[in-house]
Amino acid sequence: MDKSTIIRTIALAIAWINMLLSNYGLQPIPVVSEEIIAEILAGVATVWAWFKNNYITARGKSQKEVLKRNSLIK
């Protein structure tokens, strides 16, 4: 796993944990103090993780073709 994948995963986990804690009336992780900030972070991390892990850009589509040609994905 590369460094950026680990960072995205951690950011996503922190954002969702904070949102869940906030929704259940518990004290969120002190890194994010406001409920709105937690929701924004969750949204950004979700879109970021989705975008990075899918072949939606022209570059991503060409990478997918290379992987298919080399039988690295189905």
PDB file of N, CA and C in Angstrom:
ATOM      1  N   MET A   1       0.850  -1.172   0.000  1.00  0.00           N
ATOM      2  CA  MET A   1       0.000   0.000   0.000  1.00  0.00           C
ATOM      3  C   MET A   1       0.900   1.242   0.000  1.00  0.00           C
ATOM      4  N   ASP A   2       0.546   2.219  -0.828  1.00  0.00           N
ATOM      5  CA  ASP A   2       1.382   3.415  -0.886  1.00  0.00           C
ATOM      6  C   ASP A   2       0.958   4.437   0.177  1.00  0.00           C
ATOM      7  N   LYS A   3       1.810   5.440   0.358  1.00  0.00           N
ATOM      8  CA  LYS A   3       1.624   6.439   1.401  1.00  0.00           C
ATOM      9  C   LYS A   3       0.303   7.209   1.238  1.00  0.00           C
ATOM     10  N   SER A   4      -0.038   7.584   0.016  1.00  0.00           N
ATOM     11  CA  SER A   4      -1.256   8.363  -0.196  1.00  0.00           C
ATOM     12  C   SER A   4      -2.510   7.552   0.121  1.00  0.00           C
ATOM     13  N   THR A   5      -2.493   6.257  -0.142  1.00  0.00           N
ATOM     14  CA  THR A   5      -3.632   5.407   0.198  1.00  0.00           C
ATOM     15  C   THR A   5      -3.816   5.346   1.704  1.00  0.00           C
ATOM     16  N   ILE A   6      -2.738   5.230   2.429  1.00  0.00           N
ATOM     17  CA  ILE A   6      -2.806   5.187   3.891  1.00  0.00           C
ATOM     18  C   ILE A   6      -3.347   6.510   4.428  1.00  0.00           C
ATOM     19  N   ILE A   7      -2.861   7.631   3.902  1.00  0.00           N
ATOM     20  CA  ILE A   7      -3.322   8.946   4.350  1.00  0.00           C
ATOM     21  C   ILE A   7      -4.807   9.129   4.061  1.00  0.00           C
ATOM     22  N   ARG A   8      -5.248   8.752   2.861  1.00  0.00           N
ATOM     23  CA  ARG A   8      -6.678   8.866   2.515  1.00  0.00           C
ATOM     24  C   ARG A   8      -7.537   8.005   3.427  1.00  0.00           C
ATOM     25  N   THR A   9      -7.068   6.806   3.720  1.00  0.00           N
ATOM     26  CA  THR A   9      -7.818   5.899   4.582  1.00  0.00           C
ATOM     27  C   THR A   9      -7.935   6.454   5.992  1.00  0.00           C
ATOM     28  N   ILE A  10      -6.854   6.990   6.518  1.00  0.00           N
ATOM     29  CA  ILE A  10      -6.871   7.577   7.860  1.00  0.00           C
ATOM     30  C   ILE A  10      -7.791   8.797   7.899  1.00  0.00           C
ATOM     31  N   ALA A  11      -7.697   9.672   6.893  1.00  0.00           N
ATOM     32  CA  ALA A  11      -8.552  10.867   6.845  1.00  0.00           C
ATOM     33  C   ALA A  11     -10.022  10.470   6.775  1.00  0.00           C
ATOM     34  N   LEU A  12     -10.328   9.473   5.984  1.00  0.00           N
ATOM     35  CA  LEU A  12     -11.708   9.000   5.854  1.00  0.00           C
ATOM     36  C   LEU A  12     -12.207   8.431   7.179  1.00  0.00           C
ATOM     37  N   ALA A  13     -11.387   7.617   7.821  1.00  0.00           N
ATOM     38  CA  ALA A  13     -11.777   7.013   9.099  1.00  0.00           C
ATOM     39  C   ALA A  13     -12.010   8.072  10.173  1.00  0.00           C
ATOM     40  N   ILE A  14     -11.111   9.048  10.290  1.00  0.00           N
ATOM     41  CA  ILE A  14     -11.261  10.105  11.292  1.00  0.00           C
ATOM     42  C   ILE A  14     -12.523  10.913  11.032  1.00  0.00           C
ATOM     43  N   ALA A  15     -12.762  11.264   9.787  1.00  0.00           N
ATOM     44  CA  ALA A  15     -13.934  12.063   9.454  1.00  0.00           C
ATOM     45  C   ALA A  15     -15.223  11.322   9.790  1.00  0.00           C
ATOM     46  N   TRP A  16     -15.309  10.040   9.424  1.00  0.00           N
ATOM     47  CA  TRP A  16     -16.537   9.277   9.701  1.00  0.00           C
ATOM     48  C   TRP A  16     -16.701   9.001  11.189  1.00  0.00           C
ATOM     49  N   ILE A  17     -15.624   8.715  11.886  1.00  0.00           N
ATOM     50  CA  ILE A  17     -15.708   8.502  13.337  1.00  0.00           C
ATOM     51  C   ILE A  17     -16.202   9.774  14.017  1.00  0.00           C
ATOM     52  N   ASN A  18     -15.648  10.921  13.623  1.00  0.00           N
ATOM     53  CA  ASN A  18     -16.081  12.184  14.211  1.00  0.00           C
ATOM     54  C   ASN A  18     -17.558  12.457  13.928  1.00  0.00           C
ATOM     55  N   MET A  19     -17.998  12.194  12.713  1.00  0.00           N
ATOM     56  CA  MET A  19     -19.397  12.443  12.384  1.00  0.00           C
ATOM     57  C   MET A  19     -20.309  11.526  13.189  1.00  0.00           C
ATOM     58  N   LEU A  20     -19.945  10.261  13.303  1.00  0.00           N
ATOM     59  CA  LEU A  20     -20.766   9.334  14.084  1.00  0.00           C
ATOM     60  C   LEU A  20     -20.796   9.718  15.558  1.00  0.00           C
ATOM     61  N   LEU A  21     -19.647  10.056  16.105  1.00  0.00           N
ATOM     62  CA  LEU A  21     -19.604  10.489  17.506  1.00  0.00           C
ATOM     63  C   LEU A  21     -20.474  11.719  17.718  1.00  0.00           C
ATOM     64  N   SER A  22     -20.380  12.646  16.810  1.00  0.00           N
ATOM     65  CA  SER A  22     -21.157  13.879  16.899  1.00  0.00           C
ATOM     66  C   SER A  22     -22.655  13.593  16.789  1.00  0.00           C
ATOM     67  N   ASN A  23     -23.051  12.717  15.881  1.00  0.00           N
ATOM     68  CA  ASN A  23     -24.465  12.380  15.702  1.00  0.00           C
ATOM     69  C   ASN A  23     -25.056  11.684  16.920  1.00  0.00           C
ATOM     70  N   TYR A  24     -24.250  10.927  17.648  1.00  0.00           N
ATOM     71  CA  TYR A  24     -24.737  10.224  18.831  1.00  0.00           C
ATOM     72  C   TYR A  24     -24.529  11.023  20.115  1.00  0.00           C
ATOM     73  N   GLY A  25     -24.175  12.284  19.982  1.00  0.00           N
ATOM     74  CA  GLY A  25     -24.045  13.166  21.139  1.00  0.00           C
ATOM     75  C   GLY A  25     -22.814  12.913  21.978  1.00  0.00           C
ATOM     76  N   LEU A  26     -21.823  12.241  21.430  1.00  0.00           N
ATOM     77  CA  LEU A  26     -20.583  11.978  22.146  1.00  0.00           C
ATOM     78  C   LEU A  26     -19.527  13.009  21.760  1.00  0.00           C
ATOM     79  N   GLN A  27     -18.472  13.079  22.557  1.00  0.00           N
ATOM     80  CA  GLN A  27     -17.391  14.029  22.307  1.00  0.00           C
ATOM     81  C   GLN A  27     -16.571  13.574  21.100  1.00  0.00           C
ATOM     82  N   PRO A  28     -16.537  14.389  20.012  1.00  0.00           N
ATOM     83  CA  PRO A  28     -15.727  14.005  18.853  1.00  0.00           C
ATOM     84  C   PRO A  28     -14.232  14.094  19.157  1.00  0.00           C
ATOM     85  N   ILE A  29     -13.446  13.515  18.283  1.00  0.00           N
ATOM     86  CA  ILE A  29     -11.986  13.586  18.408  1.00  0.00           C
ATOM     87  C   ILE A  29     -11.594  15.056  18.391  1.00  0.00           C
ATOM     88  N   PRO A  30     -10.739  15.511  19.314  1.00  0.00           N
ATOM     89  CA  PRO A  30     -10.434  16.938  19.434  1.00  0.00           C
ATOM     90  C   PRO A  30      -9.821  17.598  18.208  1.00  0.00           C
ATOM     91  N   VAL A  31      -9.339  16.816  17.256  1.00  0.00           N
ATOM     92  CA  VAL A  31      -8.756  17.399  16.052  1.00  0.00           C
ATOM     93  C   VAL A  31      -9.807  18.227  15.312  1.00  0.00           C
ATOM     94  N   VAL A  32     -11.043  17.753  15.318  1.00  0.00           N
ATOM     95  CA  VAL A  32     -12.142  18.453  14.657  1.00  0.00           C
ATOM     96  C   VAL A  32     -13.142  18.828  15.734  1.00  0.00           C
ATOM     97  N   SER A  33     -13.300  20.128  15.959  1.00  0.00           N
ATOM     98  CA  SER A  33     -14.116  20.554  17.089  1.00  0.00           C
ATOM     99  C   SER A  33     -15.557  20.865  16.722  1.00  0.00           C
ATOM    100  N   GLU A  34     -15.848  21.180  15.493  1.00  0.00           N
ATOM    101  CA  GLU A  34     -17.201  21.578  15.108  1.00  0.00           C
ATOM    102  C   GLU A  34     -17.851  20.492  14.268  1.00  0.00           C
ATOM    103  N   GLU A  35     -19.153  20.326  14.439  1.00  0.00           N
ATOM    104  CA  GLU A  35     -19.896  19.313  13.685  1.00  0.00           C
ATOM    105  C   GLU A  35     -19.841  19.574  12.190  1.00  0.00           C
ATOM    106  N   ILE A  36     -19.958  20.810  11.791  1.00  0.00           N
ATOM    107  CA  ILE A  36     -19.943  21.141  10.357  1.00  0.00           C
ATOM    108  C   ILE A  36     -18.596  20.806   9.725  1.00  0.00           C
ATOM    109  N   ILE A  37     -17.519  21.013  10.461  1.00  0.00           N
ATOM    110  CA  ILE A  37     -16.186  20.690   9.954  1.00  0.00           C
ATOM    111  C   ILE A  37     -16.067  19.180   9.759  1.00  0.00           C
ATOM    112  N   ALA A  38     -16.629  18.416  10.697  1.00  0.00           N
ATOM    113  CA  ALA A  38     -16.593  16.954  10.576  1.00  0.00           C
ATOM    114  C   ALA A  38     -17.363  16.492   9.345  1.00  0.00           C
ATOM    115  N   GLU A  39     -18.512  17.102   9.090  1.00  0.00           N
ATOM    116  CA  GLU A  39     -19.301  16.714   7.919  1.00  0.00           C
ATOM    117  C   GLU A  39     -18.587  17.073   6.617  1.00  0.00           C
ATOM    118  N   ILE A  40     -17.963  18.233   6.591  1.00  0.00           N
ATOM    119  CA  ILE A  40     -17.214  18.650   5.400  1.00  0.00           C
ATOM    120  C   ILE A  40     -16.038  17.700   5.174  1.00  0.00           C
ATOM    121  N   LEU A  41     -15.321  17.370   6.238  1.00  0.00           N
ATOM    122  CA  LEU A  41     -14.197  16.441   6.128  1.00  0.00           C
ATOM    123  C   LEU A  41     -14.653  15.077   5.621  1.00  0.00           C
ATOM    124  N   ALA A  42     -15.770  14.602   6.138  1.00  0.00           N
ATOM    125  CA  ALA A  42     -16.293  13.301   5.696  1.00  0.00           C
ATOM    126  C   ALA A  42     -16.627  13.346   4.207  1.00  0.00           C
ATOM    127  N   GLY A  43     -17.268  14.409   3.781  1.00  0.00           N
ATOM    128  CA  GLY A  43     -17.614  14.540   2.371  1.00  0.00           C
ATOM    129  C   GLY A  43     -16.387  14.617   1.480  1.00  0.00           C
ATOM    130  N   VAL A  44     -15.436  15.432   1.870  1.00  0.00           N
ATOM    131  CA  VAL A  44     -14.213  15.592   1.077  1.00  0.00           C
ATOM    132  C   VAL A  44     -13.424  14.278   1.033  1.00  0.00           C
ATOM    133  N   ALA A  45     -13.274  13.631   2.185  1.00  0.00           N
ATOM    134  CA  ALA A  45     -12.518  12.379   2.225  1.00  0.00           C
ATOM    135  C   ALA A  45     -13.209  11.288   1.413  1.00  0.00           C
ATOM    136  N   THR A  46     -14.540  11.259   1.455  1.00  0.00           N
ATOM    137  CA  THR A  46     -15.286  10.262   0.696  1.00  0.00           C
ATOM    138  C   THR A  46     -15.108  10.471  -0.803  1.00  0.00           C
ATOM    139  N   VAL A  47     -15.262  11.709  -1.255  1.00  0.00           N
ATOM    140  CA  VAL A  47     -15.106  12.002  -2.686  1.00  0.00           C
ATOM    141  C   VAL A  47     -13.669  11.762  -3.123  1.00  0.00           C
ATOM    142  N   TRP A  48     -12.719  12.169  -2.300  1.00  0.00           N
ATOM    143  CA  TRP A  48     -11.307  11.991  -2.609  1.00  0.00           C
ATOM    144  C   TRP A  48     -10.969  10.505  -2.743  1.00  0.00           C
ATOM    145  N   ALA A  49     -11.399   9.699  -1.776  1.00  0.00           N
ATOM    146  CA  ALA A  49     -11.115   8.259  -1.821  1.00  0.00           C
ATOM    147  C   ALA A  49     -11.782   7.615  -3.034  1.00  0.00           C
ATOM    148  N   TRP A  50     -13.009   8.011  -3.322  1.00  0.00           N
ATOM    149  CA  TRP A  50     -13.722   7.459  -4.476  1.00  0.00           C
ATOM    150  C   TRP A  50     -13.011   7.823  -5.771  1.00  0.00           C
ATOM    151  N   PHE A  51     -12.645   9.100  -5.905  1.00  0.00           N
ATOM    152  CA  PHE A  51     -11.995   9.593  -7.125  1.00  0.00           C
ATOM    153  C   PHE A  51     -10.657   8.903  -7.346  1.00  0.00           C
ATOM    154  N   LYS A  52      -9.872   8.756  -6.286  1.00  0.00           N
ATOM    155  CA  LYS A  52      -8.544   8.168  -6.409  1.00  0.00           C
ATOM    156  C   LYS A  52      -8.594   6.671  -6.689  1.00  0.00           C
ATOM    157  N   ASN A  53      -9.662   6.003  -6.305  1.00  0.00           N
ATOM    158  CA  ASN A  53      -9.735   4.552  -6.448  1.00  0.00           C
ATOM    159  C   ASN A  53     -10.588   4.101  -7.624  1.00  0.00           C
ATOM    160  N   ASN A  54     -10.914   5.000  -8.525  1.00  0.00           N
ATOM    161  CA  ASN A  54     -11.702   4.658  -9.696  1.00  0.00           C
ATOM    162  C   ASN A  54     -11.024   5.222 -10.939  1.00  0.00           C
ATOM    163  N   TYR A  55     -11.339   4.623 -12.064  1.00  0.00           N
ATOM    164  CA  TYR A  55     -10.733   5.037 -13.331  1.00  0.00           C
ATOM    165  C   TYR A  55     -11.682   5.991 -14.042  1.00  0.00           C
ATOM    166  N   ILE A  56     -11.781   7.241 -13.575  1.00  0.00           N
ATOM    167  CA  ILE A  56     -12.739   8.175 -14.174  1.00  0.00           C
ATOM    168  C   ILE A  56     -12.077   9.249 -15.029  1.00  0.00           C
ATOM    169  N   THR A  57     -10.807   9.490 -14.821  1.00  0.00           N
ATOM    170  CA  THR A  57     -10.112  10.485 -15.636  1.00  0.00           C
ATOM    171  C   THR A  57      -9.528   9.815 -16.873  1.00  0.00           C
ATOM    172  N   ALA A  58      -9.116  10.609 -17.840  1.00  0.00           N
ATOM    173  CA  ALA A  58      -8.499  10.064 -19.049  1.00  0.00           C
ATOM    174  C   ALA A  58      -7.234   9.279 -18.697  1.00  0.00           C
ATOM    175  N   ARG A  59      -6.465   9.825 -17.768  1.00  0.00           N
ATOM    176  CA  ARG A  59      -5.243   9.139 -17.336  1.00  0.00           C
ATOM    177  C   ARG A  59      -5.587   7.811 -16.667  1.00  0.00           C
ATOM    178  N   GLY A  60      -6.607   7.819 -15.829  1.00  0.00           N
ATOM    179  CA  GLY A  60      -7.029   6.609 -15.143  1.00  0.00           C
ATOM    180  C   GLY A  60      -7.516   5.548 -16.107  1.00  0.00           C
ATOM    181  N   LYS A  61      -8.247   5.980 -17.132  1.00  0.00           N
ATOM    182  CA  LYS A  61      -8.746   5.030 -18.130  1.00  0.00           C
ATOM    183  C   LYS A  61      -7.600   4.399 -18.909  1.00  0.00           C
ATOM    184  N   SER A  62      -6.586   5.206 -19.233  1.00  0.00           N
ATOM    185  CA  SER A  62      -5.445   4.640 -19.950  1.00  0.00           C
ATOM    186  C   SER A  62      -4.661   3.685 -19.048  1.00  0.00           C
ATOM    187  N   GLN A  63      -4.579   4.002 -17.757  1.00  0.00           N
ATOM    188  CA  GLN A  63      -3.910   3.097 -16.820  1.00  0.00           C
ATOM    189  C   GLN A  63      -4.661   1.772 -16.724  1.00  0.00           C
ATOM    190  N   LYS A  64      -5.981   1.844 -16.721  1.00  0.00           N
ATOM    191  CA  LYS A  64      -6.784   0.624 -16.659  1.00  0.00           C
ATOM    192  C   LYS A  64      -6.550  -0.247 -17.892  1.00  0.00           C
ATOM    193  N   GLU A  65      -6.452   0.382 -19.052  1.00  0.00           N
ATOM    194  CA  GLU A  65      -6.186  -0.369 -20.279  1.00  0.00           C
ATOM    195  C   GLU A  65      -4.841  -1.087 -20.219  1.00  0.00           C
ATOM    196  N   VAL A  66      -3.831  -0.413 -19.682  1.00  0.00           N
ATOM    197  CA  VAL A  66      -2.507  -1.028 -19.542  1.00  0.00           C
ATOM    198  C   VAL A  66      -2.586  -2.223 -18.598  1.00  0.00           C
ATOM    199  N   LEU A  67      -3.308  -2.070 -17.495  1.00  0.00           N
ATOM    200  CA  LEU A  67      -3.467  -3.164 -16.550  1.00  0.00           C
ATOM    201  C   LEU A  67      -4.197  -4.345 -17.189  1.00  0.00           C
ATOM    202  N   LYS A  68      -5.231  -4.051 -17.980  1.00  0.00           N
ATOM    203  CA  LYS A  68      -5.965  -5.126 -18.654  1.00  0.00           C
ATOM    204  C   LYS A  68      -5.081  -5.838 -19.668  1.00  0.00           C
ATOM    205  N   ARG A  69      -4.322  -5.071 -20.451  1.00  0.00           N
ATOM    206  CA  ARG A  69      -3.430  -5.673 -21.454  1.00  0.00           C
ATOM    207  C   ARG A  69      -2.412  -6.610 -20.830  1.00  0.00           C
ATOM    208  N   ASN A  70      -1.978  -6.270 -19.624  1.00  0.00           N
ATOM    209  CA  ASN A  70      -0.984  -7.097 -18.935  1.00  0.00           C
ATOM    210  C   ASN A  70      -1.613  -8.125 -18.004  1.00  0.00           C
ATOM    211  N   SER A  71      -2.918  -8.299 -18.121  1.00  0.00           N
ATOM    212  CA  SER A  71      -3.680  -9.280 -17.325  1.00  0.00           C
ATOM    213  C   SER A  71      -3.507  -9.087 -15.821  1.00  0.00           C
ATOM    214  N   LEU A  72      -3.430  -7.828 -15.391  1.00  0.00           N
ATOM    215  CA  LEU A  72      -3.299  -7.541 -13.968  1.00  0.00           C
ATOM    216  C   LEU A  72      -4.647  -7.285 -13.306  1.00  0.00           C
ATOM    217  N   ILE A  73      -5.673  -6.984 -14.122  1.00  0.00           N
ATOM    218  CA  ILE A  73      -7.046  -6.864 -13.631  1.00  0.00           C
ATOM    219  C   ILE A  73      -7.964  -7.532 -14.637  1.00  0.00           C
ATOM    220  N   LYS A  74      -9.182  -7.801 -14.196  1.00  0.00           N
ATOM    221  CA  LYS A  74     -10.152  -8.434 -15.095  1.00  0.00           C
ATOM    222  C   LYS A  74     -10.900  -7.419 -15.894  1.00  0.00           C
TER     223      LYS A  74
END
